[in-house]
Amino acid sequence: MTYYELHDIWYQDLVDKGYVSWDRDKDLKSINDQSIAKSIKYFIEKYDIDCKGSTSLDLGCGTGNVALILDDLGFSSSGIDISNVAIVQANKNSEELSKNIKFETRDLLKDIATSK
């Protein structure tokens, strides 16, 4: 068993149950109502961040919720996760919302270990 195999099992269970995110959303309409979305928006407003033209990289993006939220706010977003099941769903979510977000399956711990 790989150290991340449980993530694929959990994500596959969510997908099999019809969820589109780790947060057990049944559709993508509720993503911007999640507490993480509200927190992100709060800090962007608090620090008067101009999102237009900014980029974001969501490490451990799962099904892509944060990248999707940031894209809605004007960021050019992308995401990386170790779970291919999650990345497949993230790409489906991006496509369903007509986004151009690049999600990619990567093992960053392996990348770091091999770069030494």
PDB file of N, CA and C in Angstrom:
ATOM      1  N   MET A   1       0.850  -1.188   0.000  1.00  0.00           N
ATOM      2  CA  MET A   1       0.000   0.000   0.000  1.00  0.00           C
ATOM      3  C   MET A   1       0.893   1.248   0.000  1.00  0.00           C
ATOM      4  N   THR A   2       0.592   2.173  -0.886  1.00  0.00           N
ATOM      5  CA  THR A   2       1.319   3.435  -0.921  1.00  0.00           C
ATOM      6  C   THR A   2       0.792   4.353   0.179  1.00  0.00           C
ATOM      7  N   TYR A   3       1.578   5.343   0.550  1.00  0.00           N
ATOM      8  CA  TYR A   3       1.183   6.236   1.640  1.00  0.00           C
ATOM      9  C   TYR A   3      -0.018   7.103   1.286  1.00  0.00           C
ATOM     10  N   TYR A   4      -0.373   7.186   0.043  1.00  0.00           N
ATOM     11  CA  TYR A   4      -1.498   8.028  -0.355  1.00  0.00           C
ATOM     12  C   TYR A   4      -2.688   7.226  -0.889  1.00  0.00           C
ATOM     13  N   GLU A   5      -2.597   5.921  -0.852  1.00  0.00           N
ATOM     14  CA  GLU A   5      -3.647   5.083  -1.425  1.00  0.00           C
ATOM     15  C   GLU A   5      -5.011   5.337  -0.790  1.00  0.00           C
ATOM     16  N   LEU A   6      -5.039   5.646   0.504  1.00  0.00           N
ATOM     17  CA  LEU A   6      -6.318   5.919   1.164  1.00  0.00           C
ATOM     18  C   LEU A   6      -7.027   7.125   0.562  1.00  0.00           C
ATOM     19  N   HIS A   7      -6.258   8.114   0.107  1.00  0.00           N
ATOM     20  CA  HIS A   7      -6.890   9.277  -0.520  1.00  0.00           C
ATOM     21  C   HIS A   7      -7.688   8.857  -1.755  1.00  0.00           C
ATOM     22  N   ASP A   8      -7.089   8.029  -2.586  1.00  0.00           N
ATOM     23  CA  ASP A   8      -7.807   7.562  -3.774  1.00  0.00           C
ATOM     24  C   ASP A   8      -9.058   6.785  -3.380  1.00  0.00           C
ATOM     25  N   ILE A   9      -8.951   5.958  -2.341  1.00  0.00           N
ATOM     26  CA  ILE A   9     -10.108   5.183  -1.885  1.00  0.00           C
ATOM     27  C   ILE A   9     -11.212   6.117  -1.404  1.00  0.00           C
ATOM     28  N   TRP A  10     -10.843   7.124  -0.596  1.00  0.00           N
ATOM     29  CA  TRP A  10     -11.837   8.075  -0.081  1.00  0.00           C
ATOM     30  C   TRP A  10     -12.473   8.880  -1.205  1.00  0.00           C
ATOM     31  N   TYR A  11     -11.635   9.390  -2.106  1.00  0.00           N
ATOM     32  CA  TYR A  11     -12.180  10.169  -3.223  1.00  0.00           C
ATOM     33  C   TYR A  11     -13.084   9.308  -4.097  1.00  0.00           C
ATOM     34  N   GLN A  12     -12.682   8.071  -4.365  1.00  0.00           N
ATOM     35  CA  GLN A  12     -13.511   7.202  -5.193  1.00  0.00           C
ATOM     36  C   GLN A  12     -14.851   6.939  -4.514  1.00  0.00           C
ATOM     37  N   ASP A  13     -14.841   6.766  -3.187  1.00  0.00           N
ATOM     38  CA  ASP A  13     -16.086   6.574  -2.447  1.00  0.00           C
ATOM     39  C   ASP A  13     -17.003   7.792  -2.601  1.00  0.00           C
ATOM     40  N   LEU A  14     -16.429   8.983  -2.534  1.00  0.00           N
ATOM     41  CA  LEU A  14     -17.223  10.207  -2.705  1.00  0.00           C
ATOM     42  C   LEU A  14     -17.804  10.290  -4.115  1.00  0.00           C
ATOM     43  N   VAL A  15     -16.973  10.010  -5.100  1.00  0.00           N
ATOM     44  CA  VAL A  15     -17.430  10.040  -6.500  1.00  0.00           C
ATOM     45  C   VAL A  15     -18.547   9.014  -6.706  1.00  0.00           C
ATOM     46  N   ASP A  16     -18.353   7.817  -6.160  1.00  0.00           N
ATOM     47  CA  ASP A  16     -19.360   6.766  -6.308  1.00  0.00           C
ATOM     48  C   ASP A  16     -20.695   7.171  -5.682  1.00  0.00           C
ATOM     49  N   LYS A  17     -20.645   8.015  -4.661  1.00  0.00           N
ATOM     50  CA  LYS A  17     -21.865   8.473  -3.997  1.00  0.00           C
ATOM     51  C   LYS A  17     -22.456   9.718  -4.651  1.00  0.00           C
ATOM     52  N   GLY A  18     -21.814  10.192  -5.720  1.00  0.00           N
ATOM     53  CA  GLY A  18     -22.347  11.323  -6.467  1.00  0.00           C
ATOM     54  C   GLY A  18     -21.877  12.686  -5.992  1.00  0.00           C
ATOM     55  N   TYR A  19     -20.867  12.718  -5.125  1.00  0.00           N
ATOM     56  CA  TYR A  19     -20.353  14.008  -4.652  1.00  0.00           C
ATOM     57  C   TYR A  19     -19.324  14.553  -5.634  1.00  0.00           C
ATOM     58  N   VAL A  20     -19.263  15.874  -5.748  1.00  0.00           N
ATOM     59  CA  VAL A  20     -18.310  16.508  -6.656  1.00  0.00           C
ATOM     60  C   VAL A  20     -17.133  17.120  -5.903  1.00  0.00           C
ATOM     61  N   SER A  21     -17.148  17.004  -4.561  1.00  0.00           N
ATOM     62  CA  SER A  21     -16.049  17.562  -3.779  1.00  0.00           C
ATOM     63  C   SER A  21     -15.848  16.795  -2.489  1.00  0.00           C
ATOM     64  N   TRP A  22     -14.691  17.031  -1.894  1.00  0.00           N
ATOM     65  CA  TRP A  22     -14.344  16.461  -0.594  1.00  0.00           C
ATOM     66  C   TRP A  22     -15.359  16.883   0.461  1.00  0.00           C
ATOM     67  N   ASP A  23     -15.950  18.051   0.291  1.00  0.00           N
ATOM     68  CA  ASP A  23     -16.921  18.597   1.244  1.00  0.00           C
ATOM     69  C   ASP A  23     -18.315  18.013   1.055  1.00  0.00           C
ATOM     70  N   ARG A  24     -18.409  17.004   0.249  1.00  0.00           N
ATOM     71  CA  ARG A  24     -19.668  16.292  -0.010  1.00  0.00           C
ATOM     72  C   ARG A  24     -20.740  17.177  -0.661  1.00  0.00           C
ATOM     73  N   ASP A  25     -20.302  18.020  -1.567  1.00  0.00           N
ATOM     74  CA  ASP A  25     -21.246  18.800  -2.357  1.00  0.00           C
ATOM     75  C   ASP A  25     -21.795  17.907  -3.461  1.00  0.00           C
ATOM     76  N   LYS A  26     -23.087  18.012  -3.681  1.00  0.00           N
ATOM     77  CA  LYS A  26     -23.719  17.247  -4.760  1.00  0.00           C
ATOM     78  C   LYS A  26     -23.683  18.006  -6.087  1.00  0.00           C
ATOM     79  N   ASP A  27     -23.482  19.321  -6.014  1.00  0.00           N
ATOM     80  CA  ASP A  27     -23.350  20.111  -7.231  1.00  0.00           C
ATOM     81  C   ASP A  27     -22.372  21.246  -6.956  1.00  0.00           C
ATOM     82  N   LEU A  28     -21.963  21.909  -8.007  1.00  0.00           N
ATOM     83  CA  LEU A  28     -20.939  22.944  -7.890  1.00  0.00           C
ATOM     84  C   LEU A  28     -21.495  24.306  -7.519  1.00  0.00           C
ATOM     85  N   LYS A  29     -22.809  24.454  -7.514  1.00  0.00           N
ATOM     86  CA  LYS A  29     -23.417  25.745  -7.202  1.00  0.00           C
ATOM     87  C   LYS A  29     -23.095  26.215  -5.789  1.00  0.00           C
ATOM     88  N   SER A  30     -22.862  25.284  -4.892  1.00  0.00           N
ATOM     89  CA  SER A  30     -22.656  25.652  -3.492  1.00  0.00           C
ATOM     90  C   SER A  30     -21.195  25.949  -3.141  1.00  0.00           C
ATOM     91  N   ILE A  31     -20.281  25.803  -4.073  1.00  0.00           N
ATOM     92  CA  ILE A  31     -18.862  26.014  -3.766  1.00  0.00           C
ATOM     93  C   ILE A  31     -18.604  27.411  -3.201  1.00  0.00           C
ATOM     94  N   ASN A  32     -19.195  28.423  -3.794  1.00  0.00           N
ATOM     95  CA  ASN A  32     -18.954  29.790  -3.326  1.00  0.00           C
ATOM     96  C   ASN A  32     -19.663  30.114  -2.012  1.00  0.00           C
ATOM     97  N   ASP A  33     -20.482  29.198  -1.526  1.00  0.00           N
ATOM     98  CA  ASP A  33     -21.141  29.376  -0.234  1.00  0.00           C
ATOM     99  C   ASP A  33     -20.392  28.673   0.897  1.00  0.00           C
ATOM    100  N   GLN A  34     -19.357  27.928   0.577  1.00  0.00           N
ATOM    101  CA  GLN A  34     -18.598  27.209   1.601  1.00  0.00           C
ATOM    102  C   GLN A  34     -17.828  28.186   2.484  1.00  0.00           C
ATOM    103  N   SER A  35     -17.510  27.742   3.689  1.00  0.00           N
ATOM    104  CA  SER A  35     -16.782  28.607   4.625  1.00  0.00           C
ATOM    105  C   SER A  35     -15.403  28.984   4.086  1.00  0.00           C
ATOM    106  N   ILE A  36     -14.746  28.079   3.349  1.00  0.00           N
ATOM    107  CA  ILE A  36     -13.432  28.417   2.787  1.00  0.00           C
ATOM    108  C   ILE A  36     -13.561  29.550   1.774  1.00  0.00           C
ATOM    109  N   ALA A  37     -14.616  29.538   0.981  1.00  0.00           N
ATOM    110  CA  ALA A  37     -14.826  30.608   0.006  1.00  0.00           C
ATOM    111  C   ALA A  37     -15.059  31.926   0.718  1.00  0.00           C
ATOM    112  N   LYS A  38     -15.868  31.897   1.763  1.00  0.00           N
ATOM    113  CA  LYS A  38     -16.135  33.113   2.526  1.00  0.00           C
ATOM    114  C   LYS A  38     -14.867  33.639   3.180  1.00  0.00           C
ATOM    115  N   SER A  39     -14.020  32.739   3.681  1.00  0.00           N
ATOM    116  CA  SER A  39     -12.755  33.157   4.302  1.00  0.00           C
ATOM    117  C   SER A  39     -11.810  33.786   3.288  1.00  0.00           C
ATOM    118  N   ILE A  40     -11.700  33.155   2.132  1.00  0.00           N
ATOM    119  CA  ILE A  40     -10.834  33.694   1.073  1.00  0.00           C
ATOM    120  C   ILE A  40     -11.308  35.090   0.675  1.00  0.00           C
ATOM    121  N   LYS A  41     -12.593  35.232   0.450  1.00  0.00           N
ATOM    122  CA  LYS A  41     -13.148  36.531   0.055  1.00  0.00           C
ATOM    123  C   LYS A  41     -12.927  37.579   1.145  1.00  0.00           C
ATOM    124  N   TYR A  42     -13.073  37.176   2.402  1.00  0.00           N
ATOM    125  CA  TYR A  42     -12.859  38.092   3.521  1.00  0.00           C
ATOM    126  C   TYR A  42     -11.434  38.646   3.503  1.00  0.00           C
ATOM    127  N   PHE A  43     -10.444  37.769   3.366  1.00  0.00           N
ATOM    128  CA  PHE A  43      -9.055  38.232   3.391  1.00  0.00           C
ATOM    129  C   PHE A  43      -8.684  39.035   2.148  1.00  0.00           C
ATOM    130  N   ILE A  44      -9.249  38.700   1.023  1.00  0.00           N
ATOM    131  CA  ILE A  44      -8.990  39.488  -0.187  1.00  0.00           C
ATOM    132  C   ILE A  44      -9.534  40.897  -0.011  1.00  0.00           C
ATOM    133  N   GLU A  45     -10.725  41.001   0.558  1.00  0.00           N
ATOM    134  CA  GLU A  45     -11.300  42.324   0.807  1.00  0.00           C
ATOM    135  C   GLU A  45     -10.545  43.061   1.913  1.00  0.00           C
ATOM    136  N   LYS A  46     -10.203  42.368   2.983  1.00  0.00           N
ATOM    137  CA  LYS A  46      -9.512  42.980   4.124  1.00  0.00           C
ATOM    138  C   LYS A  46      -8.189  43.592   3.693  1.00  0.00           C
ATOM    139  N   TYR A  47      -7.427  42.876   2.872  1.00  0.00           N
ATOM    140  CA  TYR A  47      -6.114  43.358   2.450  1.00  0.00           C
ATOM    141  C   TYR A  47      -6.151  44.022   1.079  1.00  0.00           C
ATOM    142  N   ASP A  48      -7.356  44.262   0.567  1.00  0.00           N
ATOM    143  CA  ASP A  48      -7.547  44.976  -0.691  1.00  0.00           C
ATOM    144  C   ASP A  48      -6.647  44.408  -1.796  1.00  0.00           C
ATOM    145  N   ILE A  49      -6.721  43.102  -1.978  1.00  0.00           N
ATOM    146  CA  ILE A  49      -5.902  42.411  -2.964  1.00  0.00           C
ATOM    147  C   ILE A  49      -6.555  42.507  -4.331  1.00  0.00           C
ATOM    148  N   ASP A  50      -5.781  42.945  -5.312  1.00  0.00           N
ATOM    149  CA  ASP A  50      -6.254  42.989  -6.697  1.00  0.00           C
ATOM    150  C   ASP A  50      -5.960  41.637  -7.334  1.00  0.00           C
ATOM    151  N   CYS A  51      -6.976  40.863  -7.531  1.00  0.00           N
ATOM    152  CA  CYS A  51      -6.823  39.490  -8.020  1.00  0.00           C
ATOM    153  C   CYS A  51      -6.617  39.402  -9.520  1.00  0.00           C
ATOM    154  N   LYS A  52      -7.052  40.403 -10.238  1.00  0.00           N
ATOM    155  CA  LYS A  52      -6.981  40.355 -11.693  1.00  0.00           C
ATOM    156  C   LYS A  52      -5.530  40.235 -12.143  1.00  0.00           C
ATOM    157  N   GLY A  53      -5.252  39.201 -12.913  1.00  0.00           N
ATOM    158  CA  GLY A  53      -3.911  38.979 -13.427  1.00  0.00           C
ATOM    159  C   GLY A  53      -3.001  38.243 -12.462  1.00  0.00           C
ATOM    160  N   SER A  54      -3.480  37.940 -11.256  1.00  0.00           N
ATOM    161  CA  SER A  54      -2.680  37.185 -10.291  1.00  0.00           C
ATOM    162  C   SER A  54      -2.799  35.697 -10.587  1.00  0.00           C
ATOM    163  N   THR A  55      -1.825  34.939 -10.118  1.00  0.00           N
ATOM    164  CA  THR A  55      -1.865  33.492 -10.300  1.00  0.00           C
ATOM    165  C   THR A  55      -1.924  32.797  -8.943  1.00  0.00           C
ATOM    166  N   SER A  56      -2.522  31.611  -8.946  1.00  0.00           N
ATOM    167  CA  SER A  56      -2.570  30.805  -7.724  1.00  0.00           C
ATOM    168  C   SER A  56      -2.270  29.355  -8.071  1.00  0.00           C
ATOM    169  N   LEU A  57      -1.566  28.699  -7.154  1.00  0.00           N
ATOM    170  CA  LEU A  57      -1.283  27.280  -7.273  1.00  0.00           C
ATOM    171  C   LEU A  57      -1.789  26.627  -6.003  1.00  0.00           C
ATOM    172  N   ASP A  58      -2.751  25.754  -6.135  1.00  0.00           N
ATOM    173  CA  ASP A  58      -3.351  25.063  -5.000  1.00  0.00           C
ATOM    174  C   ASP A  58      -2.679  23.704  -4.856  1.00  0.00           C
ATOM    175  N   LEU A  59      -1.797  23.594  -3.858  1.00  0.00           N
ATOM    176  CA  LEU A  59      -1.111  22.332  -3.586  1.00  0.00           C
ATOM    177  C   LEU A  59      -2.009  21.465  -2.717  1.00  0.00           C
ATOM    178  N   GLY A  60      -2.216  20.231  -3.130  1.00  0.00           N
ATOM    179  CA  GLY A  60      -3.164  19.369  -2.429  1.00  0.00           C
ATOM    180  C   GLY A  60      -4.583  19.806  -2.721  1.00  0.00           C
ATOM    181  N   CYS A  61      -4.852  20.096  -3.981  1.00  0.00           N
ATOM    182  CA  CYS A  61      -6.110  20.731  -4.392  1.00  0.00           C
ATOM    183  C   CYS A  61      -7.331  19.841  -4.294  1.00  0.00           C
ATOM    184  N   GLY A  62      -7.134  18.546  -4.184  1.00  0.00           N
ATOM    185  CA  GLY A  62      -8.300  17.666  -4.139  1.00  0.00           C
ATOM    186  C   GLY A  62      -9.162  17.855  -5.369  1.00  0.00           C
ATOM    187  N   THR A  63     -10.437  18.107  -5.148  1.00  0.00           N
ATOM    188  CA  THR A  63     -11.386  18.252  -6.259  1.00  0.00           C
ATOM    189  C   THR A  63     -11.435  19.667  -6.828  1.00  0.00           C
ATOM    190  N   GLY A  64     -10.532  20.527  -6.379  1.00  0.00           N
ATOM    191  CA  GLY A  64     -10.343  21.820  -7.018  1.00  0.00           C
ATOM    192  C   GLY A  64     -11.143  22.991  -6.489  1.00  0.00           C
ATOM    193  N   ASN A  65     -11.818  22.843  -5.365  1.00  0.00           N
ATOM    194  CA  ASN A  65     -12.700  23.909  -4.886  1.00  0.00           C
ATOM    195  C   ASN A  65     -11.991  25.256  -4.725  1.00  0.00           C
ATOM    196  N   VAL A  66     -10.843  25.269  -4.071  1.00  0.00           N
ATOM    197  CA  VAL A  66     -10.165  26.547  -3.819  1.00  0.00           C
ATOM    198  C   VAL A  66      -9.719  27.181  -5.136  1.00  0.00           C
ATOM    199  N   ALA A  67      -9.174  26.390  -6.030  1.00  0.00           N
ATOM    200  CA  ALA A  67      -8.763  26.929  -7.335  1.00  0.00           C
ATOM    201  C   ALA A  67      -9.968  27.483  -8.096  1.00  0.00           C
ATOM    202  N   LEU A  68     -11.105  26.804  -8.003  1.00  0.00           N
ATOM    203  CA  LEU A  68     -12.323  27.285  -8.664  1.00  0.00           C
ATOM    204  C   LEU A  68     -12.796  28.603  -8.054  1.00  0.00           C
ATOM    205  N   ILE A  69     -12.729  28.704  -6.736  1.00  0.00           N
ATOM    206  CA  ILE A  69     -13.117  29.933  -6.038  1.00  0.00           C
ATOM    207  C   ILE A  69     -12.189  31.076  -6.430  1.00  0.00           C
ATOM    208  N   LEU A  70     -10.884  30.819  -6.409  1.00  0.00           N
ATOM    209  CA  LEU A  70      -9.925  31.858  -6.762  1.00  0.00           C
ATOM    210  C   LEU A  70     -10.074  32.292  -8.216  1.00  0.00           C
ATOM    211  N   ASP A  71     -10.372  31.356  -9.090  1.00  0.00           N
ATOM    212  CA  ASP A  71     -10.611  31.689 -10.493  1.00  0.00           C
ATOM    213  C   ASP A  71     -11.799  32.644 -10.615  1.00  0.00           C
ATOM    214  N   ASP A  72     -12.857  32.384  -9.842  1.00  0.00           N
ATOM    215  CA  ASP A  72     -14.023  33.277  -9.851  1.00  0.00           C
ATOM    216  C   ASP A  72     -13.662  34.692  -9.402  1.00  0.00           C
ATOM    217  N   LEU A  73     -12.630  34.790  -8.571  1.00  0.00           N
ATOM    218  CA  LEU A  73     -12.218  36.098  -8.050  1.00  0.00           C
ATOM    219  C   LEU A  73     -11.216  36.803  -8.954  1.00  0.00           C
ATOM    220  N   GLY A  74     -10.799  36.148 -10.042  1.00  0.00           N
ATOM    221  CA  GLY A  74      -9.915  36.800 -10.995  1.00  0.00           C
ATOM    222  C   GLY A  74      -8.528  36.213 -11.105  1.00  0.00           C
ATOM    223  N   PHE A  75      -8.199  35.245 -10.273  1.00  0.00           N
ATOM    224  CA  PHE A  75      -6.888  34.601 -10.358  1.00  0.00           C
ATOM    225  C   PHE A  75      -6.835  33.661 -11.564  1.00  0.00           C
ATOM    226  N   SER A  76      -5.659  33.462 -12.094  1.00  0.00           N
ATOM    227  CA  SER A  76      -5.392  32.395 -13.037  1.00  0.00           C
ATOM    228  C   SER A  76      -4.915  31.228 -12.173  1.00  0.00           C
ATOM    229  N   SER A  77      -5.717  30.199 -12.062  1.00  0.00           N
ATOM    230  CA  SER A  77      -5.475  29.153 -11.074  1.00  0.00           C
ATOM    231  C   SER A  77      -5.044  27.839 -11.693  1.00  0.00           C
ATOM    232  N   SER A  78      -4.336  27.058 -10.898  1.00  0.00           N
ATOM    233  CA  SER A  78      -4.004  25.680 -11.235  1.00  0.00           C
ATOM    234  C   SER A  78      -3.914  24.902  -9.933  1.00  0.00           C
ATOM    235  N   GLY A  79      -3.922  23.579 -10.041  1.00  0.00           N
ATOM    236  CA  GLY A  79      -3.889  22.758  -8.844  1.00  0.00           C
ATOM    237  C   GLY A  79      -3.157  21.453  -9.049  1.00  0.00           C
ATOM    238  N   ILE A  80      -2.580  20.958  -7.951  1.00  0.00           N
ATOM    239  CA  ILE A  80      -1.836  19.706  -7.952  1.00  0.00           C
ATOM    240  C   ILE A  80      -2.325  18.863  -6.780  1.00  0.00           C
ATOM    241  N   ASP A  81      -2.512  17.576  -7.027  1.00  0.00           N
ATOM    242  CA  ASP A  81      -2.852  16.651  -5.943  1.00  0.00           C
ATOM    243  C   ASP A  81      -2.260  15.284  -6.267  1.00  0.00           C
ATOM    244  N   ILE A  82      -2.022  14.513  -5.238  1.00  0.00           N
ATOM    245  CA  ILE A  82      -1.453  13.173  -5.410  1.00  0.00           C
ATOM    246  C   ILE A  82      -2.494  12.162  -5.875  1.00  0.00           C
ATOM    247  N   SER A  83      -3.762  12.461  -5.622  1.00  0.00           N
ATOM    248  CA  SER A  83      -4.830  11.533  -5.958  1.00  0.00           C
ATOM    249  C   SER A  83      -5.328  11.753  -7.382  1.00  0.00           C
ATOM    250  N   ASN A  84      -5.114  10.768  -8.229  1.00  0.00           N
ATOM    251  CA  ASN A  84      -5.602  10.873  -9.603  1.00  0.00           C
ATOM    252  C   ASN A  84      -7.126  10.920  -9.643  1.00  0.00           C
ATOM    253  N   VAL A  85      -7.784  10.209  -8.722  1.00  0.00           N
ATOM    254  CA  VAL A  85      -9.248  10.232  -8.662  1.00  0.00           C
ATOM    255  C   VAL A  85      -9.730  11.662  -8.403  1.00  0.00           C
ATOM    256  N   ALA A  86      -9.074  12.346  -7.472  1.00  0.00           N
ATOM    257  CA  ALA A  86      -9.438  13.731  -7.166  1.00  0.00           C
ATOM    258  C   ALA A  86      -9.190  14.642  -8.364  1.00  0.00           C
ATOM    259  N   ILE A  87      -8.077  14.444  -9.043  1.00  0.00           N
ATOM    260  CA  ILE A  87      -7.739  15.293 -10.197  1.00  0.00           C
ATOM    261  C   ILE A  87      -8.719  15.074 -11.342  1.00  0.00           C
ATOM    262  N   VAL A  88      -9.123  13.845 -11.559  1.00  0.00           N
ATOM    263  CA  VAL A  88     -10.143  13.582 -12.592  1.00  0.00           C
ATOM    264  C   VAL A  88     -11.411  14.367 -12.260  1.00  0.00           C
ATOM    265  N   GLN A  89     -11.831  14.346 -10.992  1.00  0.00           N
ATOM    266  CA  GLN A  89     -13.027  15.088 -10.585  1.00  0.00           C
ATOM    267  C   GLN A  89     -12.802  16.589 -10.684  1.00  0.00           C
ATOM    268  N   ALA A  90     -11.615  17.064 -10.296  1.00  0.00           N
ATOM    269  CA  ALA A  90     -11.308  18.502 -10.397  1.00  0.00           C
ATOM    270  C   ALA A  90     -11.424  18.971 -11.844  1.00  0.00           C
ATOM    271  N   ASN A  91     -10.900  18.183 -12.764  1.00  0.00           N
ATOM    272  CA  ASN A  91     -10.993  18.552 -14.177  1.00  0.00           C
ATOM    273  C   ASN A  91     -12.441  18.525 -14.669  1.00  0.00           C
ATOM    274  N   LYS A  92     -13.231  17.570 -14.181  1.00  0.00           N
ATOM    275  CA  LYS A  92     -14.655  17.545 -14.528  1.00  0.00           C
ATOM    276  C   LYS A  92     -15.351  18.795 -13.987  1.00  0.00           C
ATOM    277  N   ASN A  93     -15.019  19.151 -12.741  1.00  0.00           N
ATOM    278  CA  ASN A  93     -15.619  20.343 -12.140  1.00  0.00           C
ATOM    279  C   ASN A  93     -15.252  21.596 -12.927  1.00  0.00           C
ATOM    280  N   SER A  94     -13.996  21.693 -13.316  1.00  0.00           N
ATOM    281  CA  SER A  94     -13.532  22.842 -14.091  1.00  0.00           C
ATOM    282  C   SER A  94     -14.260  22.919 -15.435  1.00  0.00           C
ATOM    283  N   GLU A  95     -14.386  21.784 -16.075  1.00  0.00           N
ATOM    284  CA  GLU A  95     -15.075  21.737 -17.366  1.00  0.00           C
ATOM    285  C   GLU A  95     -16.552  22.098 -17.213  1.00  0.00           C
ATOM    286  N   GLU A  96     -17.189  21.566 -16.175  1.00  0.00           N
ATOM    287  CA  GLU A  96     -18.614  21.848 -15.969  1.00  0.00           C
ATOM    288  C   GLU A  96     -18.863  23.340 -15.752  1.00  0.00           C
ATOM    289  N   LEU A  97     -17.900  24.017 -15.117  1.00  0.00           N
ATOM    290  CA  LEU A  97     -18.040  25.449 -14.866  1.00  0.00           C
ATOM    291  C   LEU A  97     -17.414  26.293 -15.972  1.00  0.00           C
ATOM    292  N   SER A  98     -17.008  25.653 -17.061  1.00  0.00           N
ATOM    293  CA  SER A  98     -16.383  26.330 -18.214  1.00  0.00           C
ATOM    294  C   SER A  98     -15.161  27.133 -17.801  1.00  0.00           C
ATOM    295  N   LYS A  99     -14.337  26.539 -16.957  1.00  0.00           N
ATOM    296  CA  LYS A  99     -13.090  27.168 -16.508  1.00  0.00           C
ATOM    297  C   LYS A  99     -11.931  26.606 -17.308  1.00  0.00           C
ATOM    298  N   ASN A 100     -10.842  27.352 -17.312  1.00  0.00           N
ATOM    299  CA  ASN A 100      -9.626  26.893 -17.969  1.00  0.00           C
ATOM    300  C   ASN A 100      -8.543  26.706 -16.899  1.00  0.00           C
ATOM    301  N   ILE A 101      -8.825  25.826 -15.955  1.00  0.00           N
ATOM    302  CA  ILE A 101      -7.908  25.581 -14.850  1.00  0.00           C
ATOM    303  C   ILE A 101      -7.183  24.271 -15.111  1.00  0.00           C
ATOM    304  N   LYS A 102      -5.871  24.292 -14.947  1.00  0.00           N
ATOM    305  CA  LYS A 102      -5.074  23.088 -15.160  1.00  0.00           C
ATOM    306  C   LYS A 102      -4.903  22.362 -13.826  1.00  0.00           C
ATOM    307  N   PHE A 103      -5.408  21.146 -13.745  1.00  0.00           N
ATOM    308  CA  PHE A 103      -5.230  20.291 -12.584  1.00  0.00           C
ATOM    309  C   PHE A 103      -4.348  19.117 -12.995  1.00  0.00           C
ATOM    310  N   GLU A 104      -3.419  18.762 -12.126  1.00  0.00           N
ATOM    311  CA  GLU A 104      -2.426  17.761 -12.482  1.00  0.00           C
ATOM    312  C   GLU A 104      -2.153  16.834 -11.293  1.00  0.00           C
ATOM    313  N   THR A 105      -2.004  15.549 -11.594  1.00  0.00           N
ATOM    314  CA  THR A 105      -1.629  14.570 -10.579  1.00  0.00           C
ATOM    315  C   THR A 105      -0.112  14.583 -10.430  1.00  0.00           C
ATOM    316  N   ARG A 106       0.352  14.861  -9.211  1.00  0.00           N
ATOM    317  CA  ARG A 106       1.800  14.878  -8.930  1.00  0.00           C
ATOM    318  C   ARG A 106       2.035  14.387  -7.516  1.00  0.00           C
ATOM    319  N   ASP A 107       3.123  13.693  -7.298  1.00  0.00           N
ATOM    320  CA  ASP A 107       3.584  13.299  -5.965  1.00  0.00           C
ATOM    321  C   ASP A 107       4.714  14.245  -5.604  1.00  0.00           C
ATOM    322  N   LEU A 108       4.380  15.342  -4.939  1.00  0.00           N
ATOM    323  CA  LEU A 108       5.372  16.361  -4.623  1.00  0.00           C
ATOM    324  C   LEU A 108       6.448  15.850  -3.678  1.00  0.00           C
ATOM    325  N   LEU A 109       6.106  14.948  -2.772  1.00  0.00           N
ATOM    326  CA  LEU A 109       7.118  14.391  -1.875  1.00  0.00           C
ATOM    327  C   LEU A 109       8.150  13.582  -2.657  1.00  0.00           C
ATOM    328  N   LYS A 110       7.700  12.852  -3.642  1.00  0.00           N
ATOM    329  CA  LYS A 110       8.614  12.097  -4.498  1.00  0.00           C
ATOM    330  C   LYS A 110       9.461  13.062  -5.326  1.00  0.00           C
ATOM    331  N   ASP A 111       8.824  14.126  -5.838  1.00  0.00           N
ATOM    332  CA  ASP A 111       9.561  15.114  -6.613  1.00  0.00           C
ATOM    333  C   ASP A 111      10.677  15.748  -5.792  1.00  0.00           C
ATOM    334  N   ILE A 112      10.381  16.079  -4.537  1.00  0.00           N
ATOM    335  CA  ILE A 112      11.365  16.690  -3.655  1.00  0.00           C
ATOM    336  C   ILE A 112      12.490  15.704  -3.369  1.00  0.00           C
ATOM    337  N   ALA A 113      12.137  14.456  -3.071  1.00  0.00           N
ATOM    338  CA  ALA A 113      13.148  13.448  -2.747  1.00  0.00           C
ATOM    339  C   ALA A 113      14.084  13.184  -3.926  1.00  0.00           C
ATOM    340  N   THR A 114      13.580  13.190  -5.133  1.00  0.00           N
ATOM    341  CA  THR A 114      14.414  12.905  -6.289  1.00  0.00           C
ATOM    342  C   THR A 114      15.185  14.115  -6.769  1.00  0.00           C
ATOM    343  N   SER A 115      14.847  15.301  -6.269  1.00  0.00           N
ATOM    344  CA  SER A 115      15.565  16.496  -6.715  1.00  0.00           C
ATOM    345  C   SER A 115      16.826  16.764  -5.894  1.00  0.00           C
ATOM    346  N   LYS A 116      17.037  15.995  -4.844  1.00  0.00           N
ATOM    347  CA  LYS A 116      18.216  16.198  -3.981  1.00  0.00           C
ATOM    348  C   LYS A 116      19.434  15.542  -4.544  1.00  0.00           C
TER     349      LYS A 116
END
